[in-house]
Amino acid sequence: MTAIATLALGADALDTHAGALARIMAETVNGGAAIGYMQPFTQADGLAFFEEAVFPEVRAGRRRLIVALCDDTVAGTVQLITALPPNQPHRCEVAKMMVAPAFRRRGIGRALMAALDAEARAAGKSLITLDTRTGDVAEPLYRAAGFRTAGVIPGFALDADGAGLHATTYMYKPL
């Protein structure tokens, strides 16, 4: 099995990985993942998302963008939002956990969550929160990483194909 390396991208490395991140996002959304976007979703849509919404936040120090590399190929990514309202300086949020379909079931998600924990601790955070589609394949991963369920909201968001509404599960992890 190929070794997995994780890396929090600095501002100087964002453009280098933009194309790979956009590809993973397009594959993820078009595969039906519930990450806030609708099908069809193109690589150009993914590139716009990263360049307009994520990269400026990383450059400003308000978000960490973590990638998992297998043989120098970006295999997955997750974001840690560290800039939250003033009454929540202890908390951070997980966003956009994505593993490329060709790299799934190889421990990439586990490696990304471990790196995310380390980044949260380095940022001085004591609580991580997230939400995920109820019953999604990522839910057991989050539980295995130590997240606990806070509650479920039914009819929270549209499925990526627009066919129906799904519930979301809010989860948290004290550090």
N, C-alpha and C. Protein backbone atom coordinates (compact mmCIF):
# COMPACT_ATOMS: atom_id res chain seq x y z
N MET A 1 0.84 -1.18 0.00
CA MET A 1 0.00 0.00 0.00
C MET A 1 0.88 1.24 0.00
N THR A 2 0.48 2.22 -0.76
CA THR A 2 1.22 3.47 -0.88
C THR A 2 1.09 4.28 0.40
N ALA A 3 2.18 4.90 0.80
CA ALA A 3 2.16 5.74 2.00
C ALA A 3 1.31 6.98 1.75
N ILE A 4 0.64 7.42 2.79
CA ILE A 4 -0.20 8.61 2.73
C ILE A 4 0.51 9.71 3.49
N ALA A 5 0.68 10.84 2.84
CA ALA A 5 1.25 12.02 3.50
C ALA A 5 0.17 13.08 3.56
N THR A 6 0.07 13.78 4.68
CA THR A 6 -0.88 14.88 4.78
C THR A 6 -0.11 16.18 4.94
N LEU A 7 -0.71 17.24 4.45
CA LEU A 7 -0.04 18.53 4.43
C LEU A 7 -1.07 19.64 4.51
N ALA A 8 -0.87 20.59 5.41
CA ALA A 8 -1.69 21.80 5.42
C ALA A 8 -1.03 22.76 4.44
N LEU A 9 -1.77 23.11 3.40
CA LEU A 9 -1.20 23.94 2.34
C LEU A 9 -0.99 25.37 2.81
N GLY A 10 0.21 25.87 2.55
CA GLY A 10 0.49 27.28 2.79
C GLY A 10 0.05 28.08 1.57
N ALA A 11 0.04 29.39 1.72
CA ALA A 11 -0.40 30.27 0.63
C ALA A 11 0.38 30.05 -0.65
N ASP A 12 1.66 29.69 -0.52
CA ASP A 12 2.51 29.51 -1.70
C ASP A 12 2.20 28.23 -2.48
N ALA A 13 1.47 27.29 -1.89
CA ALA A 13 1.19 26.01 -2.55
C ALA A 13 -0.23 25.90 -3.09
N LEU A 14 -1.06 26.89 -2.84
CA LEU A 14 -2.47 26.78 -3.23
C LEU A 14 -2.66 26.62 -4.73
N ASP A 15 -2.04 27.49 -5.51
CA ASP A 15 -2.22 27.43 -6.97
C ASP A 15 -1.70 26.13 -7.56
N THR A 16 -0.64 25.59 -6.97
CA THR A 16 -0.07 24.33 -7.46
C THR A 16 -1.08 23.20 -7.42
N HIS A 17 -1.92 23.18 -6.40
CA HIS A 17 -2.86 22.07 -6.20
C HIS A 17 -4.29 22.40 -6.62
N ALA A 18 -4.53 23.59 -7.16
CA ALA A 18 -5.89 24.03 -7.49
C ALA A 18 -6.60 23.08 -8.44
N GLY A 19 -5.93 22.65 -9.49
CA GLY A 19 -6.56 21.77 -10.47
C GLY A 19 -6.97 20.44 -9.88
N ALA A 20 -6.10 19.86 -9.05
CA ALA A 20 -6.41 18.57 -8.42
C ALA A 20 -7.57 18.71 -7.44
N LEU A 21 -7.59 19.80 -6.69
CA LEU A 21 -8.68 20.02 -5.75
C LEU A 21 -10.01 20.19 -6.48
N ALA A 22 -9.99 20.92 -7.60
CA ALA A 22 -11.20 21.12 -8.40
C ALA A 22 -11.70 19.80 -8.97
N ARG A 23 -10.78 18.95 -9.40
CA ARG A 23 -11.15 17.64 -9.95
C ARG A 23 -11.82 16.78 -8.88
N ILE A 24 -11.21 16.73 -7.70
CA ILE A 24 -11.78 15.93 -6.61
C ILE A 24 -13.17 16.44 -6.24
N MET A 25 -13.33 17.75 -6.21
CA MET A 25 -14.64 18.30 -5.85
C MET A 25 -15.69 17.94 -6.90
N ALA A 26 -15.34 18.04 -8.18
CA ALA A 26 -16.28 17.69 -9.24
C ALA A 26 -16.66 16.21 -9.16
N GLU A 27 -15.67 15.35 -8.95
CA GLU A 27 -15.96 13.91 -8.82
C GLU A 27 -16.85 13.63 -7.62
N THR A 28 -16.59 14.34 -6.54
CA THR A 28 -17.34 14.13 -5.30
C THR A 28 -18.79 14.56 -5.44
N VAL A 29 -19.01 15.77 -5.95
CA VAL A 29 -20.38 16.27 -6.11
C VAL A 29 -21.14 15.42 -7.13
N ASN A 30 -20.50 15.13 -8.26
CA ASN A 30 -21.17 14.34 -9.30
C ASN A 30 -21.40 12.90 -8.87
N GLY A 31 -20.68 12.46 -7.84
CA GLY A 31 -20.90 11.13 -7.26
C GLY A 31 -22.02 11.12 -6.22
N GLY A 32 -22.61 12.28 -5.96
CA GLY A 32 -23.76 12.35 -5.06
C GLY A 32 -23.48 12.84 -3.65
N ALA A 33 -22.26 13.27 -3.37
CA ALA A 33 -21.93 13.73 -2.02
C ALA A 33 -22.74 14.97 -1.64
N ALA A 34 -23.02 15.08 -0.36
CA ALA A 34 -23.77 16.21 0.17
C ALA A 34 -22.79 17.22 0.77
N ILE A 35 -22.21 18.05 -0.09
CA ILE A 35 -21.26 19.06 0.40
C ILE A 35 -21.69 20.47 0.00
N GLY A 36 -22.99 20.63 -0.26
CA GLY A 36 -23.52 21.96 -0.50
C GLY A 36 -23.67 22.38 -1.95
N TYR A 37 -23.38 21.50 -2.87
CA TYR A 37 -23.45 21.86 -4.30
C TYR A 37 -24.33 20.87 -5.06
N MET A 38 -24.79 21.32 -6.21
CA MET A 38 -25.74 20.54 -7.01
C MET A 38 -25.07 20.03 -8.29
N GLN A 39 -25.61 18.93 -8.81
CA GLN A 39 -25.17 18.36 -10.09
C GLN A 39 -25.93 19.05 -11.23
N PRO A 40 -25.34 19.14 -12.40
CA PRO A 40 -23.96 18.77 -12.70
C PRO A 40 -23.00 19.82 -12.15
N PHE A 41 -21.82 19.38 -11.80
CA PHE A 41 -20.79 20.23 -11.21
C PHE A 41 -19.51 20.00 -11.98
N THR A 42 -18.95 21.04 -12.55
CA THR A 42 -17.77 20.91 -13.40
C THR A 42 -16.49 21.21 -12.63
N GLN A 43 -15.36 20.85 -13.23
CA GLN A 43 -14.07 21.22 -12.63
C GLN A 43 -13.93 22.73 -12.58
N ALA A 44 -14.48 23.43 -13.56
CA ALA A 44 -14.44 24.89 -13.54
C ALA A 44 -15.22 25.43 -12.33
N ASP A 45 -16.34 24.78 -12.01
CA ASP A 45 -17.09 25.17 -10.80
C ASP A 45 -16.23 24.95 -9.56
N GLY A 46 -15.54 23.82 -9.51
CA GLY A 46 -14.67 23.52 -8.38
C GLY A 46 -13.53 24.51 -8.26
N LEU A 47 -12.93 24.85 -9.39
CA LEU A 47 -11.83 25.81 -9.38
C LEU A 47 -12.31 27.16 -8.87
N ALA A 48 -13.48 27.58 -9.33
CA ALA A 48 -14.05 28.85 -8.87
C ALA A 48 -14.28 28.81 -7.36
N PHE A 49 -14.79 27.70 -6.85
CA PHE A 49 -15.02 27.57 -5.41
C PHE A 49 -13.72 27.75 -4.64
N PHE A 50 -12.69 27.03 -5.04
CA PHE A 50 -11.43 27.13 -4.31
C PHE A 50 -10.79 28.51 -4.44
N GLU A 51 -10.75 29.04 -5.66
CA GLU A 51 -10.09 30.33 -5.88
C GLU A 51 -10.84 31.50 -5.25
N GLU A 52 -12.16 31.43 -5.24
CA GLU A 52 -12.95 32.56 -4.74
C GLU A 52 -13.33 32.45 -3.27
N ALA A 53 -13.57 31.24 -2.79
CA ALA A 53 -14.07 31.08 -1.41
C ALA A 53 -13.03 30.55 -0.43
N VAL A 54 -12.19 29.62 -0.89
CA VAL A 54 -11.29 28.95 0.05
C VAL A 54 -9.92 29.62 0.11
N PHE A 55 -9.27 29.80 -1.03
CA PHE A 55 -7.90 30.32 -1.02
C PHE A 55 -7.78 31.67 -0.31
N PRO A 56 -8.70 32.62 -0.51
CA PRO A 56 -8.58 33.88 0.24
C PRO A 56 -8.65 33.68 1.76
N GLU A 57 -9.47 32.73 2.20
CA GLU A 57 -9.58 32.44 3.63
C GLU A 57 -8.30 31.80 4.18
N VAL A 58 -7.68 30.94 3.37
CA VAL A 58 -6.41 30.32 3.78
C VAL A 58 -5.33 31.41 3.87
N ARG A 59 -5.26 32.25 2.85
CA ARG A 59 -4.26 33.32 2.85
C ARG A 59 -4.44 34.27 4.03
N ALA A 60 -5.68 34.48 4.45
CA ALA A 60 -5.97 35.38 5.57
C ALA A 60 -5.80 34.69 6.93
N GLY A 61 -5.52 33.38 6.92
CA GLY A 61 -5.32 32.65 8.17
C GLY A 61 -6.60 32.26 8.88
N ARG A 62 -7.72 32.31 8.18
CA ARG A 62 -9.01 31.97 8.79
C ARG A 62 -9.45 30.53 8.53
N ARG A 63 -8.69 29.84 7.69
CA ARG A 63 -9.07 28.48 7.30
C ARG A 63 -7.79 27.70 7.00
N ARG A 64 -7.78 26.42 7.36
CA ARG A 64 -6.67 25.53 7.00
C ARG A 64 -7.17 24.60 5.91
N LEU A 65 -6.38 24.41 4.89
CA LEU A 65 -6.70 23.50 3.79
C LEU A 65 -5.70 22.36 3.83
N ILE A 66 -6.18 21.18 4.16
CA ILE A 66 -5.32 20.01 4.32
C ILE A 66 -5.52 19.08 3.13
N VAL A 67 -4.43 18.57 2.59
CA VAL A 67 -4.52 17.60 1.51
C VAL A 67 -3.83 16.31 1.94
N ALA A 68 -4.29 15.20 1.36
CA ALA A 68 -3.64 13.91 1.52
C ALA A 68 -3.00 13.58 0.18
N LEU A 69 -1.74 13.20 0.22
CA LEU A 69 -0.99 12.87 -0.99
C LEU A 69 -0.63 11.39 -1.00
N CYS A 70 -0.83 10.76 -2.15
CA CYS A 70 -0.38 9.40 -2.40
C CYS A 70 0.49 9.46 -3.64
N ASP A 71 1.78 9.16 -3.50
CA ASP A 71 2.71 9.26 -4.62
C ASP A 71 2.62 10.62 -5.31
N ASP A 72 2.60 11.68 -4.52
CA ASP A 72 2.54 13.06 -5.01
C ASP A 72 1.24 13.42 -5.73
N THR A 73 0.23 12.56 -5.63
CA THR A 73 -1.08 12.85 -6.21
C THR A 73 -2.03 13.25 -5.08
N VAL A 74 -2.76 14.34 -5.27
CA VAL A 74 -3.74 14.74 -4.26
C VAL A 74 -4.87 13.72 -4.28
N ALA A 75 -5.03 13.02 -3.18
CA ALA A 75 -6.02 11.94 -3.07
C ALA A 75 -7.25 12.36 -2.28
N GLY A 76 -7.11 13.42 -1.49
CA GLY A 76 -8.23 13.88 -0.68
C GLY A 76 -7.92 15.21 -0.04
N THR A 77 -8.95 15.81 0.53
CA THR A 77 -8.79 17.11 1.16
C THR A 77 -9.87 17.33 2.21
N VAL A 78 -9.57 18.18 3.17
CA VAL A 78 -10.53 18.61 4.18
C VAL A 78 -10.13 20.01 4.61
N GLN A 79 -11.10 20.77 5.07
CA GLN A 79 -10.83 22.12 5.53
C GLN A 79 -11.19 22.26 7.00
N LEU A 80 -10.44 23.11 7.68
CA LEU A 80 -10.70 23.44 9.07
C LEU A 80 -10.92 24.94 9.15
N ILE A 81 -12.13 25.34 9.49
CA ILE A 81 -12.45 26.76 9.62
C ILE A 81 -12.15 27.16 11.05
N THR A 82 -11.18 28.06 11.20
CA THR A 82 -10.74 28.45 12.54
C THR A 82 -11.26 29.81 12.98
N ALA A 83 -11.72 30.63 12.04
CA ALA A 83 -12.22 31.97 12.37
C ALA A 83 -13.73 31.91 12.55
N LEU A 84 -14.16 31.89 13.79
CA LEU A 84 -15.59 31.84 14.12
C LEU A 84 -15.94 33.09 14.92
N PRO A 85 -17.20 33.28 15.27
CA PRO A 85 -17.59 34.49 16.00
C PRO A 85 -16.78 34.69 17.29
N PRO A 86 -16.71 35.94 17.76
CA PRO A 86 -15.89 36.26 18.93
C PRO A 86 -16.23 35.46 20.19
N ASN A 87 -17.46 34.99 20.32
CA ASN A 87 -17.81 34.22 21.52
C ASN A 87 -17.48 32.74 21.39
N GLN A 88 -16.78 32.36 20.30
CA GLN A 88 -16.42 30.96 20.08
C GLN A 88 -14.94 30.81 19.70
N PRO A 89 -14.04 31.45 20.42
CA PRO A 89 -12.63 31.36 20.04
C PRO A 89 -12.03 29.97 20.25
N HIS A 90 -12.71 29.15 21.01
CA HIS A 90 -12.24 27.80 21.34
C HIS A 90 -12.65 26.76 20.31
N ARG A 91 -13.53 27.13 19.37
CA ARG A 91 -14.16 26.17 18.47
C ARG A 91 -13.68 26.35 17.03
N CYS A 92 -13.71 25.25 16.28
CA CYS A 92 -13.43 25.28 14.85
C CYS A 92 -14.39 24.30 14.17
N GLU A 93 -14.51 24.42 12.84
CA GLU A 93 -15.45 23.58 12.09
C GLU A 93 -14.76 22.83 10.97
N VAL A 94 -15.21 21.62 10.75
CA VAL A 94 -14.77 20.80 9.62
C VAL A 94 -15.62 21.17 8.41
N ALA A 95 -14.98 21.29 7.25
CA ALA A 95 -15.72 21.57 6.02
C ALA A 95 -15.14 20.78 4.86
N LYS A 96 -15.99 20.37 3.97
CA LYS A 96 -15.64 19.79 2.66
C LYS A 96 -14.63 18.65 2.74
N MET A 97 -14.97 17.62 3.50
CA MET A 97 -14.16 16.40 3.52
C MET A 97 -14.41 15.65 2.22
N MET A 98 -13.37 15.47 1.42
CA MET A 98 -13.52 14.82 0.12
C MET A 98 -12.33 13.90 -0.15
N VAL A 99 -12.63 12.68 -0.59
CA VAL A 99 -11.59 11.74 -1.02
C VAL A 99 -11.92 11.35 -2.46
N ALA A 100 -10.93 11.44 -3.33
CA ALA A 100 -11.14 11.08 -4.74
C ALA A 100 -11.63 9.64 -4.83
N PRO A 101 -12.61 9.37 -5.68
CA PRO A 101 -13.15 8.00 -5.78
C PRO A 101 -12.09 6.93 -5.98
N ALA A 102 -11.06 7.21 -6.76
CA ALA A 102 -10.01 6.21 -7.02
C ALA A 102 -9.17 5.89 -5.79
N PHE A 103 -9.27 6.70 -4.74
CA PHE A 103 -8.45 6.52 -3.54
C PHE A 103 -9.25 6.13 -2.30
N ARG A 104 -10.53 5.87 -2.45
CA ARG A 104 -11.36 5.55 -1.29
C ARG A 104 -11.05 4.16 -0.74
N ARG A 105 -11.36 4.00 0.56
CA ARG A 105 -11.16 2.75 1.29
C ARG A 105 -9.67 2.40 1.45
N ARG A 106 -8.83 3.43 1.51
CA ARG A 106 -7.38 3.24 1.70
C ARG A 106 -6.84 3.95 2.94
N GLY A 107 -7.72 4.49 3.76
CA GLY A 107 -7.27 5.19 4.95
C GLY A 107 -7.03 6.68 4.76
N ILE A 108 -7.40 7.21 3.60
CA ILE A 108 -7.19 8.64 3.33
C ILE A 108 -8.02 9.49 4.29
N GLY A 109 -9.29 9.16 4.45
CA GLY A 109 -10.15 9.92 5.35
C GLY A 109 -9.64 9.91 6.78
N ARG A 110 -9.18 8.76 7.23
CA ARG A 110 -8.61 8.64 8.58
C ARG A 110 -7.38 9.55 8.73
N ALA A 111 -6.52 9.53 7.71
CA ALA A 111 -5.31 10.36 7.75
C ALA A 111 -5.67 11.85 7.74
N LEU A 112 -6.66 12.22 6.94
CA LEU A 112 -7.09 13.62 6.91
C LEU A 112 -7.65 14.06 8.25
N MET A 113 -8.44 13.21 8.89
CA MET A 113 -9.02 13.57 10.19
C MET A 113 -7.94 13.69 11.27
N ALA A 114 -6.92 12.85 11.21
CA ALA A 114 -5.82 12.95 12.17
C ALA A 114 -5.06 14.26 11.97
N ALA A 115 -4.83 14.62 10.71
CA ALA A 115 -4.14 15.88 10.41
C ALA A 115 -5.00 17.07 10.85
N LEU A 116 -6.30 16.97 10.64
CA LEU A 116 -7.21 18.03 11.05
C LEU A 116 -7.17 18.22 12.57
N ASP A 117 -7.17 17.13 13.31
CA ASP A 117 -7.05 17.20 14.77
C ASP A 117 -5.78 17.94 15.18
N ALA A 118 -4.68 17.58 14.53
CA ALA A 118 -3.39 18.22 14.85
C ALA A 118 -3.44 19.72 14.55
N GLU A 119 -4.04 20.08 13.44
CA GLU A 119 -4.17 21.51 13.08
C GLU A 119 -5.04 22.25 14.09
N ALA A 120 -6.13 21.62 14.52
CA ALA A 120 -7.02 22.24 15.50
C ALA A 120 -6.28 22.47 16.82
N ARG A 121 -5.53 21.48 17.25
CA ARG A 121 -4.76 21.62 18.48
C ARG A 121 -3.70 22.72 18.35
N ALA A 122 -3.02 22.74 17.20
CA ALA A 122 -1.99 23.76 16.97
C ALA A 122 -2.59 25.17 16.97
N ALA A 123 -3.86 25.27 16.57
CA ALA A 123 -4.54 26.56 16.56
C ALA A 123 -5.12 26.92 17.93
N GLY A 124 -4.91 26.04 18.92
CA GLY A 124 -5.38 26.30 20.27
C GLY A 124 -6.87 26.06 20.47
N LYS A 125 -7.46 25.24 19.62
CA LYS A 125 -8.90 24.96 19.72
C LYS A 125 -9.15 23.79 20.66
N SER A 126 -10.32 23.81 21.30
CA SER A 126 -10.67 22.72 22.22
C SER A 126 -11.96 22.00 21.84
N LEU A 127 -12.60 22.44 20.74
CA LEU A 127 -13.83 21.81 20.29
C LEU A 127 -13.90 21.89 18.76
N ILE A 128 -14.18 20.75 18.13
CA ILE A 128 -14.37 20.69 16.68
C ILE A 128 -15.82 20.30 16.42
N THR A 129 -16.47 20.98 15.47
CA THR A 129 -17.84 20.63 15.10
C THR A 129 -17.91 20.36 13.60
N LEU A 130 -18.96 19.63 13.22
CA LEU A 130 -19.20 19.37 11.80
C LEU A 130 -20.65 18.97 11.61
N ASP A 131 -21.09 19.00 10.36
CA ASP A 131 -22.37 18.37 10.04
C ASP A 131 -22.16 17.50 8.81
N THR A 132 -22.92 16.42 8.75
CA THR A 132 -22.82 15.47 7.66
C THR A 132 -24.20 14.91 7.35
N ARG A 133 -24.41 14.53 6.11
CA ARG A 133 -25.70 13.93 5.75
C ARG A 133 -25.91 12.69 6.62
N THR A 134 -27.05 12.61 7.25
CA THR A 134 -27.38 11.48 8.12
C THR A 134 -27.33 10.18 7.31
N GLY A 135 -26.56 9.22 7.83
CA GLY A 135 -26.41 7.94 7.15
C GLY A 135 -25.36 7.92 6.06
N ASP A 136 -24.66 9.03 5.87
CA ASP A 136 -23.63 9.12 4.83
C ASP A 136 -22.45 8.20 5.16
N VAL A 137 -21.68 7.85 4.14
CA VAL A 137 -20.52 6.98 4.35
C VAL A 137 -19.48 7.61 5.27
N ALA A 138 -19.48 8.94 5.39
CA ALA A 138 -18.51 9.61 6.25
C ALA A 138 -18.88 9.53 7.73
N GLU A 139 -20.14 9.29 8.03
CA GLU A 139 -20.58 9.31 9.43
C GLU A 139 -19.81 8.30 10.30
N PRO A 140 -19.62 7.05 9.87
CA PRO A 140 -18.81 6.12 10.68
C PRO A 140 -17.35 6.56 10.82
N LEU A 141 -16.81 7.20 9.80
CA LEU A 141 -15.45 7.73 9.88
C LEU A 141 -15.35 8.76 10.99
N TYR A 142 -16.31 9.68 11.03
CA TYR A 142 -16.29 10.71 12.07
C TYR A 142 -16.45 10.10 13.46
N ARG A 143 -17.31 9.11 13.58
CA ARG A 143 -17.48 8.44 14.88
C ARG A 143 -16.16 7.77 15.30
N ALA A 144 -15.52 7.09 14.36
CA ALA A 144 -14.25 6.43 14.65
C ALA A 144 -13.17 7.43 15.03
N ALA A 145 -13.29 8.66 14.53
CA ALA A 145 -12.32 9.72 14.85
C ALA A 145 -12.65 10.40 16.18
N GLY A 146 -13.70 9.94 16.86
CA GLY A 146 -14.01 10.47 18.18
C GLY A 146 -15.14 11.49 18.23
N PHE A 147 -15.83 11.71 17.12
CA PHE A 147 -16.94 12.66 17.12
C PHE A 147 -18.19 12.02 17.72
N ARG A 148 -18.95 12.84 18.41
CA ARG A 148 -20.20 12.41 19.03
C ARG A 148 -21.37 13.13 18.36
N THR A 149 -22.51 12.49 18.32
CA THR A 149 -23.69 13.10 17.71
C THR A 149 -24.34 14.08 18.68
N ALA A 150 -24.60 15.29 18.18
CA ALA A 150 -25.32 16.30 18.97
C ALA A 150 -26.80 16.27 18.65
N GLY A 151 -27.14 15.95 17.41
CA GLY A 151 -28.54 15.91 17.02
C GLY A 151 -28.70 15.77 15.52
N VAL A 152 -29.93 15.56 15.10
CA VAL A 152 -30.26 15.38 13.69
C VAL A 152 -31.36 16.37 13.31
N ILE A 153 -31.21 17.00 12.15
CA ILE A 153 -32.24 17.90 11.63
C ILE A 153 -32.80 17.27 10.36
N PRO A 154 -34.08 16.92 10.35
CA PRO A 154 -34.67 16.32 9.14
C PRO A 154 -34.88 17.36 8.05
N GLY A 155 -34.89 16.90 6.80
CA GLY A 155 -35.17 17.78 5.67
C GLY A 155 -34.25 18.98 5.58
N PHE A 156 -32.99 18.80 5.89
CA PHE A 156 -32.03 19.90 6.01
C PHE A 156 -31.61 20.49 4.67
N ALA A 157 -31.32 19.64 3.68
CA ALA A 157 -30.80 20.14 2.40
C ALA A 157 -31.21 19.21 1.27
N LEU A 158 -31.14 19.75 0.06
CA LEU A 158 -31.40 18.94 -1.12
C LEU A 158 -30.26 17.96 -1.37
N ASP A 159 -30.59 16.79 -1.89
CA ASP A 159 -29.56 15.89 -2.39
C ASP A 159 -28.89 16.56 -3.59
N ALA A 160 -27.67 16.14 -3.91
CA ALA A 160 -26.91 16.76 -5.01
C ALA A 160 -27.64 16.68 -6.34
N ASP A 161 -28.47 15.66 -6.53
CA ASP A 161 -29.21 15.53 -7.79
C ASP A 161 -30.56 16.23 -7.74
N GLY A 162 -30.89 16.85 -6.60
CA GLY A 162 -32.13 17.60 -6.47
C GLY A 162 -33.36 16.74 -6.29
N ALA A 163 -33.20 15.43 -6.16
CA ALA A 163 -34.34 14.51 -6.13
C ALA A 163 -35.10 14.52 -4.80
N GLY A 164 -34.48 14.96 -3.75
CA GLY A 164 -35.16 14.94 -2.46
C GLY A 164 -34.35 15.64 -1.39
N LEU A 165 -34.94 15.74 -0.22
CA LEU A 165 -34.27 16.35 0.93
C LEU A 165 -33.66 15.26 1.82
N HIS A 166 -32.56 15.60 2.45
CA HIS A 166 -31.96 14.66 3.40
C HIS A 166 -31.76 15.35 4.76
N ALA A 167 -31.64 14.53 5.77
CA ALA A 167 -31.37 15.02 7.12
C ALA A 167 -29.87 15.27 7.26
N THR A 168 -29.52 16.09 8.24
CA THR A 168 -28.11 16.27 8.56
C THR A 168 -27.90 15.94 10.04
N THR A 169 -26.74 15.38 10.32
CA THR A 169 -26.35 15.04 11.69
C THR A 169 -25.26 16.00 12.12
N TYR A 170 -25.49 16.71 13.22
CA TYR A 170 -24.47 17.59 13.78
C TYR A 170 -23.63 16.77 14.75
N MET A 171 -22.32 16.95 14.67
CA MET A 171 -21.40 16.18 15.50
C MET A 171 -20.37 17.12 16.12
N TYR A 172 -19.77 16.68 17.21
CA TYR A 172 -18.75 17.48 17.89
C TYR A 172 -17.69 16.57 18.49
N LYS A 173 -16.53 17.16 18.71
CA LYS A 173 -15.42 16.42 19.33
C LYS A 173 -14.65 17.36 20.25
N PRO A 174 -14.68 17.10 21.55
CA PRO A 174 -13.83 17.87 22.45
C PRO A 174 -12.38 17.43 22.28
N LEU A 175 -11.47 18.36 22.34
CA LEU A 175 -10.04 18.01 22.25
C LEU A 175 -9.40 18.06 23.63
